């Protein structure tokens, strides 16, 4: 008989790749290896201010300065872009300026997109709140009419993941205003709950 793993699956939470990248930090040697440049190049770019590093603050570390540095994802991304630009340009300074312009333009575009998304997201969340109120109203009307355990469990199954999402939001683990994927997941769960409730309240569902 197959072992029931549904309880175990419920314990798992999605791992966001963006969160992992934000926490990524590589030492000078590993960063150089990752980006495909020499350690000497990376140290020079850092010493001249072209690339920013995170300096270690361990007073007991007797190694040289470069051994105490680490590089986050933003720095690694910039190193990769500079390496790419160097293949098209003759000088490091020009390549670095081109990369800075490119990154600045991306930031401006991202900010503009974010402002647009925020306006749409507010309307979206308001709509989902209205839909949730409708679901709650339907559940309140349906519960007194459920006479057997199987039907109650069927209703619970239809609302279980929506309830889990609500718990995570209330606990502060999910900020819908900031997490687009969570917003879409919420909309899907509400839609699935509405469809199931409609089936259970229809004449064919009795």
C-alpha atoms as a PDB file:
ATOM      1  CA  UNK A   1       0.000   0.000   0.000  1.00  0.00           C
ATOM      2  CA  UNK A   2       1.424   3.372  -1.012  1.00  0.00           C
ATOM      3  CA  UNK A   3       2.428   5.534   1.895  1.00  0.00           C
ATOM      4  CA  UNK A   4       0.437   8.741   2.303  1.00  0.00           C
ATOM      5  CA  UNK A   5       2.878  11.625   1.855  1.00  0.00           C
ATOM      6  CA  UNK A   6       0.302  14.443   1.652  1.00  0.00           C
ATOM      7  CA  UNK A   7       1.131  15.611   5.186  1.00  0.00           C
ATOM      8  CA  UNK A   8       4.828  15.751   4.342  1.00  0.00           C
ATOM      9  CA  UNK A   9       4.164  17.721   1.169  1.00  0.00           C
ATOM     10  CA  UNK A  10       2.213  20.309   3.100  1.00  0.00           C
ATOM     11  CA  UNK A  11       5.299  21.021   5.197  1.00  0.00           C
ATOM     12  CA  UNK A  12       7.273  22.149   2.157  1.00  0.00           C
ATOM     13  CA  UNK A  13       7.333  25.795   1.230  1.00  0.00           C
ATOM     14  CA  UNK A  14       8.426  27.126  -2.190  1.00  0.00           C
ATOM     15  CA  UNK A  15      12.019  28.326  -2.423  1.00  0.00           C
ATOM     16  CA  UNK A  16      12.342  31.615  -4.257  1.00  0.00           C
ATOM     17  CA  UNK A  17      15.370  31.769  -6.563  1.00  0.00           C
ATOM     18  CA  UNK A  18      15.493  35.560  -6.245  1.00  0.00           C
ATOM     19  CA  UNK A  19      15.851  35.254  -2.469  1.00  0.00           C
ATOM     20  CA  UNK A  20      18.734  32.809  -2.859  1.00  0.00           C
ATOM     21  CA  UNK A  21      20.496  35.153  -5.278  1.00  0.00           C
ATOM     22  CA  UNK A  22      20.111  38.090  -2.889  1.00  0.00           C
ATOM     23  CA  UNK A  23      21.901  36.076  -0.208  1.00  0.00           C
ATOM     24  CA  UNK A  24      24.667  34.832  -2.519  1.00  0.00           C
ATOM     25  CA  UNK A  25      28.197  35.889  -1.549  1.00  0.00           C
ATOM     26  CA  UNK A  26      31.413  34.522  -3.052  1.00  0.00           C
ATOM     27  CA  UNK A  27      34.995  35.065  -1.988  1.00  0.00           C
ATOM     28  CA  UNK A  28      37.406  36.741  -4.404  1.00  0.00           C
ATOM     29  CA  UNK A  29      38.743  33.482  -5.808  1.00  0.00           C
ATOM     30  CA  UNK A  30      35.314  31.884  -6.201  1.00  0.00           C
ATOM     31  CA  UNK A  31      33.861  35.076  -7.688  1.00  0.00           C
ATOM     32  CA  UNK A  32      36.657  35.296 -10.261  1.00  0.00           C
ATOM     33  CA  UNK A  33      36.186  31.635 -11.147  1.00  0.00           C
ATOM     34  CA  UNK A  34      32.419  32.080 -11.444  1.00  0.00           C
ATOM     35  CA  UNK A  35      32.740  35.141 -13.713  1.00  0.00           C
ATOM     36  CA  UNK A  36      35.521  33.698 -15.834  1.00  0.00           C
ATOM     37  CA  UNK A  37      38.079  36.416 -15.049  1.00  0.00           C
ATOM     38  CA  UNK A  38      41.407  36.226 -13.271  1.00  0.00           C
ATOM     39  CA  UNK A  39      41.671  36.974  -9.576  1.00  0.00           C
ATOM     40  CA  UNK A  40      44.124  39.747 -10.453  1.00  0.00           C
ATOM     41  CA  UNK A  41      41.615  41.352 -12.813  1.00  0.00           C
ATOM     42  CA  UNK A  42      38.849  41.236 -10.236  1.00  0.00           C
ATOM     43  CA  UNK A  43      41.081  42.733  -7.541  1.00  0.00           C
ATOM     44  CA  UNK A  44      42.143  45.546  -9.898  1.00  0.00           C
ATOM     45  CA  UNK A  45      38.552  46.344 -10.867  1.00  0.00           C
ATOM     46  CA  UNK A  46      37.643  46.430  -7.173  1.00  0.00           C
ATOM     47  CA  UNK A  47      40.649  48.543  -6.144  1.00  0.00           C
ATOM     48  CA  UNK A  48      39.845  51.115  -8.836  1.00  0.00           C
ATOM     49  CA  UNK A  49      36.156  51.304  -7.837  1.00  0.00           C
ATOM     50  CA  UNK A  50      34.756  49.761 -10.992  1.00  0.00           C
ATOM     51  CA  UNK A  51      33.270  46.867  -9.036  1.00  0.00           C
ATOM     52  CA  UNK A  52      32.092  46.977  -5.420  1.00  0.00           C
ATOM     53  CA  UNK A  53      32.888  44.263  -2.920  1.00  0.00           C
ATOM     54  CA  UNK A  54      31.785  43.506   0.615  1.00  0.00           C
ATOM     55  CA  UNK A  55      34.745  43.970   2.920  1.00  0.00           C
ATOM     56  CA  UNK A  56      35.239  41.521   5.774  1.00  0.00           C
ATOM     57  CA  UNK A  57      35.327  42.920   9.278  1.00  0.00           C
ATOM     58  CA  UNK A  58      37.100  40.121  11.111  1.00  0.00           C
ATOM     59  CA  UNK A  59      39.992  41.745  13.039  1.00  0.00           C
ATOM     60  CA  UNK A  60      41.624  38.367  13.601  1.00  0.00           C
ATOM     61  CA  UNK A  61      41.896  37.651   9.875  1.00  0.00           C
ATOM     62  CA  UNK A  62      45.605  38.006   8.990  1.00  0.00           C
ATOM     63  CA  UNK A  63      45.113  37.421   5.255  1.00  0.00           C
ATOM     64  CA  UNK A  64      45.533  40.113   2.625  1.00  0.00           C
ATOM     65  CA  UNK A  65      42.687  42.490   1.858  1.00  0.00           C
ATOM     66  CA  UNK A  66      41.409  40.548  -1.154  1.00  0.00           C
ATOM     67  CA  UNK A  67      41.036  37.381   0.908  1.00  0.00           C
ATOM     68  CA  UNK A  68      38.589  39.187   3.205  1.00  0.00           C
ATOM     69  CA  UNK A  69      36.416  40.435   0.359  1.00  0.00           C
ATOM     70  CA  UNK A  70      33.246  38.850  -0.905  1.00  0.00           C
ATOM     71  CA  UNK A  71      30.991  39.638  -3.851  1.00  0.00           C
ATOM     72  CA  UNK A  72      27.205  39.574  -3.962  1.00  0.00           C
ATOM     73  CA  UNK A  73      25.030  38.827  -6.974  1.00  0.00           C
ATOM     74  CA  UNK A  74      24.911  42.476  -8.076  1.00  0.00           C
ATOM     75  CA  UNK A  75      28.697  42.653  -8.206  1.00  0.00           C
ATOM     76  CA  UNK A  76      28.971  39.330 -10.030  1.00  0.00           C
ATOM     77  CA  UNK A  77      26.392  40.483 -12.558  1.00  0.00           C
ATOM     78  CA  UNK A  78      28.383  43.647 -13.208  1.00  0.00           C
ATOM     79  CA  UNK A  79      31.638  41.687 -13.618  1.00  0.00           C
ATOM     80  CA  UNK A  80      29.978  39.456 -16.209  1.00  0.00           C
ATOM     81  CA  UNK A  81      28.652  42.499 -18.076  1.00  0.00           C
ATOM     82  CA  UNK A  82      32.070  44.196 -18.052  1.00  0.00           C
ATOM     83  CA  UNK A  83      33.678  41.039 -19.381  1.00  0.00           C
ATOM     84  CA  UNK A  84      31.075  40.980 -22.161  1.00  0.00           C
ATOM     85  CA  UNK A  85      31.593  44.680 -22.931  1.00  0.00           C
ATOM     86  CA  UNK A  86      35.377  44.240 -23.102  1.00  0.00           C
ATOM     87  CA  UNK A  87      34.871  41.885 -26.015  1.00  0.00           C
ATOM     88  CA  UNK A  88      33.310  44.790 -27.935  1.00  0.00           C
ATOM     89  CA  UNK A  89      35.402  47.720 -26.622  1.00  0.00           C
ATOM     90  CA  UNK A  90      39.117  48.330 -26.492  1.00  0.00           C
ATOM     91  CA  UNK A  91      39.340  49.890 -23.032  1.00  0.00           C
ATOM     92  CA  UNK A  92      38.242  48.959 -19.534  1.00  0.00           C
ATOM     93  CA  UNK A  93      37.025  52.459 -18.654  1.00  0.00           C
ATOM     94  CA  UNK A  94      34.784  52.649 -21.682  1.00  0.00           C
ATOM     95  CA  UNK A  95      33.432  49.161 -21.001  1.00  0.00           C
ATOM     96  CA  UNK A  96      32.712  50.099 -17.380  1.00  0.00           C
ATOM     97  CA  UNK A  97      30.870  53.274 -18.451  1.00  0.00           C
ATOM     98  CA  UNK A  98      28.785  51.335 -20.948  1.00  0.00           C
ATOM     99  CA  UNK A  99      27.839  48.844 -18.237  1.00  0.00           C
ATOM    100  CA  UNK A 100      26.965  51.631 -15.779  1.00  0.00           C
ATOM    101  CA  UNK A 101      24.692  53.255 -18.384  1.00  0.00           C
ATOM    102  CA  UNK A 102      23.070  49.908 -19.128  1.00  0.00           C
ATOM    103  CA  UNK A 103      22.431  49.159 -15.441  1.00  0.00           C
ATOM    104  CA  UNK A 104      21.101  52.688 -14.798  1.00  0.00           C
ATOM    105  CA  UNK A 105      18.667  52.331 -17.702  1.00  0.00           C
ATOM    106  CA  UNK A 106      17.529  48.956 -16.393  1.00  0.00           C
ATOM    107  CA  UNK A 107      16.917  50.455 -12.951  1.00  0.00           C
ATOM    108  CA  UNK A 108      14.848  53.266 -14.470  1.00  0.00           C
ATOM    109  CA  UNK A 109      12.808  50.809 -16.525  1.00  0.00           C
ATOM    110  CA  UNK A 110      12.305  48.552 -13.499  1.00  0.00           C
ATOM    111  CA  UNK A 111      11.133  51.487 -11.383  1.00  0.00           C
ATOM    112  CA  UNK A 112       8.673  52.556 -14.076  1.00  0.00           C
ATOM    113  CA  UNK A 113       7.367  49.010 -14.412  1.00  0.00           C
ATOM    114  CA  UNK A 114       7.087  48.684 -10.631  1.00  0.00           C
ATOM    115  CA  UNK A 115       5.020  51.865 -10.396  1.00  0.00           C
ATOM    116  CA  UNK A 116       2.706  50.558 -13.089  1.00  0.00           C
ATOM    117  CA  UNK A 117       2.426  47.155 -11.419  1.00  0.00           C
ATOM    118  CA  UNK A 118       1.721  48.706  -8.025  1.00  0.00           C
ATOM    119  CA  UNK A 119      -1.255  50.605  -9.423  1.00  0.00           C
ATOM    120  CA  UNK A 120      -2.623  47.472 -11.067  1.00  0.00           C
ATOM    121  CA  UNK A 121      -1.825  45.307  -8.031  1.00  0.00           C
ATOM    122  CA  UNK A 122      -3.880  47.509  -5.710  1.00  0.00           C
ATOM    123  CA  UNK A 123      -6.918  47.104  -7.961  1.00  0.00           C
ATOM    124  CA  UNK A 124      -6.173  43.376  -8.297  1.00  0.00           C
ATOM    125  CA  UNK A 125      -5.982  42.829  -4.526  1.00  0.00           C
ATOM    126  CA  UNK A 126      -9.198  44.802  -4.009  1.00  0.00           C
ATOM    127  CA  UNK A 127     -10.907  42.517  -6.509  1.00  0.00           C
ATOM    128  CA  UNK A 128      -9.563  39.408  -4.758  1.00  0.00           C
ATOM    129  CA  UNK A 129     -10.758  40.736  -1.385  1.00  0.00           C
ATOM    130  CA  UNK A 130     -14.260  41.109  -2.852  1.00  0.00           C
ATOM    131  CA  UNK A 131     -14.052  37.572  -4.258  1.00  0.00           C
ATOM    132  CA  UNK A 132     -12.964  36.242  -0.853  1.00  0.00           C
ATOM    133  CA  UNK A 133     -15.958  37.894   0.808  1.00  0.00           C
ATOM    134  CA  UNK A 134     -18.149  36.129  -1.740  1.00  0.00           C
ATOM    135  CA  UNK A 135     -16.489  32.776  -0.927  1.00  0.00           C
ATOM    136  CA  UNK A 136     -17.005  33.326   2.813  1.00  0.00           C
ATOM    137  CA  UNK A 137     -20.675  34.171   2.228  1.00  0.00           C
ATOM    138  CA  UNK A 138     -21.163  31.011   0.167  1.00  0.00           C
ATOM    139  CA  UNK A 139     -19.478  28.861   2.817  1.00  0.00           C
ATOM    140  CA  UNK A 140     -21.664  30.326   5.558  1.00  0.00           C
ATOM    141  CA  UNK A 141     -24.775  29.510   3.528  1.00  0.00           C
ATOM    142  CA  UNK A 142     -23.567  26.026   2.617  1.00  0.00           C
ATOM    143  CA  UNK A 143     -22.365  24.766   6.015  1.00  0.00           C
ATOM    144  CA  UNK A 144     -25.807  24.375   7.647  1.00  0.00           C
ATOM    145  CA  UNK A 145     -26.926  22.260   4.690  1.00  0.00           C
ATOM    146  CA  UNK A 146     -24.052  19.786   4.926  1.00  0.00           C
ATOM    147  CA  UNK A 147     -25.343  16.758   6.789  1.00  0.00           C
ATOM    148  CA  UNK A 148     -22.631  14.139   6.329  1.00  0.00           C
ATOM    149  CA  UNK A 149     -18.928  14.014   7.101  1.00  0.00           C
ATOM    150  CA  UNK A 150     -17.904  13.299   3.517  1.00  0.00           C
ATOM    151  CA  UNK A 151     -19.457  16.537   2.286  1.00  0.00           C
ATOM    152  CA  UNK A 152     -17.782  18.532   5.061  1.00  0.00           C
ATOM    153  CA  UNK A 153     -14.420  16.996   4.150  1.00  0.00           C
ATOM    154  CA  UNK A 154     -15.080  17.805   0.504  1.00  0.00           C
ATOM    155  CA  UNK A 155     -15.666  21.429   1.436  1.00  0.00           C
ATOM    156  CA  UNK A 156     -12.533  21.456   3.594  1.00  0.00           C
ATOM    157  CA  UNK A 157     -10.499  20.068   0.705  1.00  0.00           C
ATOM    158  CA  UNK A 158     -11.768  22.839  -1.557  1.00  0.00           C
ATOM    159  CA  UNK A 159     -10.701  25.526   0.928  1.00  0.00           C
ATOM    160  CA  UNK A 160      -7.587  23.971   2.478  1.00  0.00           C
ATOM    161  CA  UNK A 161      -4.898  25.663   0.366  1.00  0.00           C
ATOM    162  CA  UNK A 162      -6.747  28.961   0.486  1.00  0.00           C
ATOM    163  CA  UNK A 163      -6.731  28.669   4.288  1.00  0.00           C
ATOM    164  CA  UNK A 164      -2.992  27.904   4.206  1.00  0.00           C
ATOM    165  CA  UNK A 165      -2.373  31.002   2.113  1.00  0.00           C
ATOM    166  CA  UNK A 166      -4.392  33.101   4.574  1.00  0.00           C
ATOM    167  CA  UNK A 167      -2.347  31.733   7.502  1.00  0.00           C
ATOM    168  CA  UNK A 168       0.925  32.644   5.784  1.00  0.00           C
ATOM    169  CA  UNK A 169      -0.321  36.151   4.999  1.00  0.00           C
ATOM    170  CA  UNK A 170      -1.492  36.731   8.574  1.00  0.00           C
ATOM    171  CA  UNK A 171       1.841  35.411   9.917  1.00  0.00           C
ATOM    172  CA  UNK A 172       3.733  37.887   7.740  1.00  0.00           C
ATOM    173  CA  UNK A 173       5.427  35.127   5.724  1.00  0.00           C
ATOM    174  CA  UNK A 174       3.863  36.386   2.491  1.00  0.00           C
ATOM    175  CA  UNK A 175       3.447  40.047   1.588  1.00  0.00           C
ATOM    176  CA  UNK A 176       0.966  40.094  -1.256  1.00  0.00           C
ATOM    177  CA  UNK A 177       1.784  43.718  -2.055  1.00  0.00           C
ATOM    178  CA  UNK A 178       5.373  42.705  -2.826  1.00  0.00           C
ATOM    179  CA  UNK A 179       5.050  39.163  -4.155  1.00  0.00           C
ATOM    180  CA  UNK A 180       3.534  38.914  -7.642  1.00  0.00           C
ATOM    181  CA  UNK A 181       3.650  35.101  -7.632  1.00  0.00           C
ATOM    182  CA  UNK A 182       1.723  35.003  -4.346  1.00  0.00           C
ATOM    183  CA  UNK A 183      -0.898  37.350  -5.816  1.00  0.00           C
ATOM    184  CA  UNK A 184      -1.411  35.039  -8.784  1.00  0.00           C
ATOM    185  CA  UNK A 185      -1.506  32.008  -6.497  1.00  0.00           C
ATOM    186  CA  UNK A 186      -4.170  33.690  -4.371  1.00  0.00           C
ATOM    187  CA  UNK A 187      -6.276  34.458  -7.446  1.00  0.00           C
ATOM    188  CA  UNK A 188      -6.011  30.840  -8.592  1.00  0.00           C
ATOM    189  CA  UNK A 189      -7.001  29.494  -5.176  1.00  0.00           C
ATOM    190  CA  UNK A 190      -9.982  31.841  -4.933  1.00  0.00           C
ATOM    191  CA  UNK A 191     -11.083  30.845  -8.438  1.00  0.00           C
ATOM    192  CA  UNK A 192     -10.782  27.137  -7.610  1.00  0.00           C
ATOM    193  CA  UNK A 193     -12.731  27.603  -4.359  1.00  0.00           C
ATOM    194  CA  UNK A 194     -15.494  29.513  -6.165  1.00  0.00           C
ATOM    195  CA  UNK A 195     -15.749  26.782  -8.811  1.00  0.00           C
ATOM    196  CA  UNK A 196     -15.969  24.040  -6.168  1.00  0.00           C
ATOM    197  CA  UNK A 197     -18.573  25.922  -4.131  1.00  0.00           C
ATOM    198  CA  UNK A 198     -20.626  26.487  -7.261  1.00  0.00           C
ATOM    199  CA  UNK A 199     -20.547  22.742  -7.926  1.00  0.00           C
ATOM    200  CA  UNK A 200     -21.549  21.900  -4.358  1.00  0.00           C
ATOM    201  CA  UNK A 201     -24.444  24.383  -4.321  1.00  0.00           C
ATOM    202  CA  UNK A 202     -25.820  23.452  -7.736  1.00  0.00           C
ATOM    203  CA  UNK A 203     -28.765  20.989  -7.930  1.00  0.00           C
ATOM    204  CA  UNK A 204     -26.504  18.394  -9.529  1.00  0.00           C
ATOM    205  CA  UNK A 205     -24.097  18.723  -6.601  1.00  0.00           C
ATOM    206  CA  UNK A 206     -26.628  17.638  -3.965  1.00  0.00           C
END
